[in-house]
Structures are given as C-alpha cells and as structure tokens.
C-alpha cells in the first residue's frame, strides 16, 4: 500500500477531485477496512 500512497501523494498539483486529500483519506480507510474483512459482496449495478 505504501507504493500506492506515494503515487497518490505525488498528484497534489493535479486539479482532479479523485486525488483530493479528502478522497485519498476516504479511499485509504476503505482499503484498510476491506483488508480487515469489513466488506460486503453485492451484485454489480448495470445501467440500462
């Protein structure tokens, strides 16, 4: 995960909401939760 985190930190100057500090923090928490088994399976949502 540290490699991914470094890649994310190198994108500070990109004006892309996906790479905002708030979203990166949310994504890191989501990954940590999944690694701890705190996830649920669900069917894919298909668009019509």
C-alpha atoms as a PDB file:
ATOM      1  CA  UNK A   1       0.000   0.000   0.000  1.00  0.00           C
ATOM      2  CA  UNK A   2       2.888   2.392   0.629  1.00  0.00           C
ATOM      3  CA  UNK A   3       3.710   2.431  -3.104  1.00  0.00           C
ATOM      4  CA  UNK A   4       0.118   3.369  -3.890  1.00  0.00           C
ATOM      5  CA  UNK A   5       0.149   6.033  -1.185  1.00  0.00           C
ATOM      6  CA  UNK A   6       3.346   7.557  -2.617  1.00  0.00           C
ATOM      7  CA  UNK A   7       1.794   7.642  -6.081  1.00  0.00           C
ATOM      8  CA  UNK A   8      -1.264   9.377  -4.671  1.00  0.00           C
ATOM      9  CA  UNK A   9       0.832  11.937  -2.766  1.00  0.00           C
ATOM     10  CA  UNK A  10       2.684  12.847  -5.965  1.00  0.00           C
ATOM     11  CA  UNK A  11      -0.548  14.055  -7.538  1.00  0.00           C
ATOM     12  CA  UNK A  12      -1.150  17.058  -5.281  1.00  0.00           C
ATOM     13  CA  UNK A  13      -0.919  19.530  -8.148  1.00  0.00           C
ATOM     14  CA  UNK A  14      -3.497  17.763 -10.310  1.00  0.00           C
ATOM     15  CA  UNK A  15      -6.876  19.503 -10.320  1.00  0.00           C
ATOM     16  CA  UNK A  16      -8.805  16.245 -10.224  1.00  0.00           C
ATOM     17  CA  UNK A  17     -11.331  15.655  -7.419  1.00  0.00           C
ATOM     18  CA  UNK A  18     -10.451  11.954  -7.273  1.00  0.00           C
ATOM     19  CA  UNK A  19      -6.991  12.876  -5.978  1.00  0.00           C
ATOM     20  CA  UNK A  20      -8.159  15.407  -3.398  1.00  0.00           C
ATOM     21  CA  UNK A  21      -6.726  14.872   0.098  1.00  0.00           C
ATOM     22  CA  UNK A  22     -10.205  14.169   1.462  1.00  0.00           C
ATOM     23  CA  UNK A  23     -10.922  11.488  -1.127  1.00  0.00           C
ATOM     24  CA  UNK A  24      -7.495   9.874  -0.753  1.00  0.00           C
ATOM     25  CA  UNK A  25      -8.104   9.635   3.002  1.00  0.00           C
ATOM     26  CA  UNK A  26     -11.515   8.033   2.359  1.00  0.00           C
ATOM     27  CA  UNK A  27     -10.014   5.566  -0.126  1.00  0.00           C
ATOM     28  CA  UNK A  28      -7.219   4.598   2.269  1.00  0.00           C
ATOM     29  CA  UNK A  29      -9.786   3.935   5.011  1.00  0.00           C
ATOM     30  CA  UNK A  30     -11.892   1.858   2.614  1.00  0.00           C
ATOM     31  CA  UNK A  31      -8.859  -0.241   1.622  1.00  0.00           C
ATOM     32  CA  UNK A  32      -7.910  -0.741   5.283  1.00  0.00           C
ATOM     33  CA  UNK A  33     -11.477  -1.823   6.099  1.00  0.00           C
ATOM     34  CA  UNK A  34     -11.505  -4.313   3.219  1.00  0.00           C
ATOM     35  CA  UNK A  35      -8.142  -5.719   4.278  1.00  0.00           C
ATOM     36  CA  UNK A  36      -9.618  -6.290   7.751  1.00  0.00           C
ATOM     37  CA  UNK A  37     -12.560  -8.188   6.261  1.00  0.00           C
ATOM     38  CA  UNK A  38     -15.050  -5.367   6.728  1.00  0.00           C
ATOM     39  CA  UNK A  39     -16.716  -5.536   3.354  1.00  0.00           C
ATOM     40  CA  UNK A  40     -19.782  -6.977   1.769  1.00  0.00           C
ATOM     41  CA  UNK A  41     -20.445  -8.617  -1.565  1.00  0.00           C
ATOM     42  CA  UNK A  42     -23.156  -7.302  -3.799  1.00  0.00           C
ATOM     43  CA  UNK A  43     -24.259  -7.704  -7.381  1.00  0.00           C
ATOM     44  CA  UNK A  44     -22.993  -5.271  -9.979  1.00  0.00           C
ATOM     45  CA  UNK A  45     -25.378  -2.486 -10.851  1.00  0.00           C
ATOM     46  CA  UNK A  46     -25.947  -2.491 -14.589  1.00  0.00           C
ATOM     47  CA  UNK A  47     -27.062   0.562 -16.484  1.00  0.00           C
ATOM     48  CA  UNK A  48     -29.872   0.200 -18.996  1.00  0.00           C
END
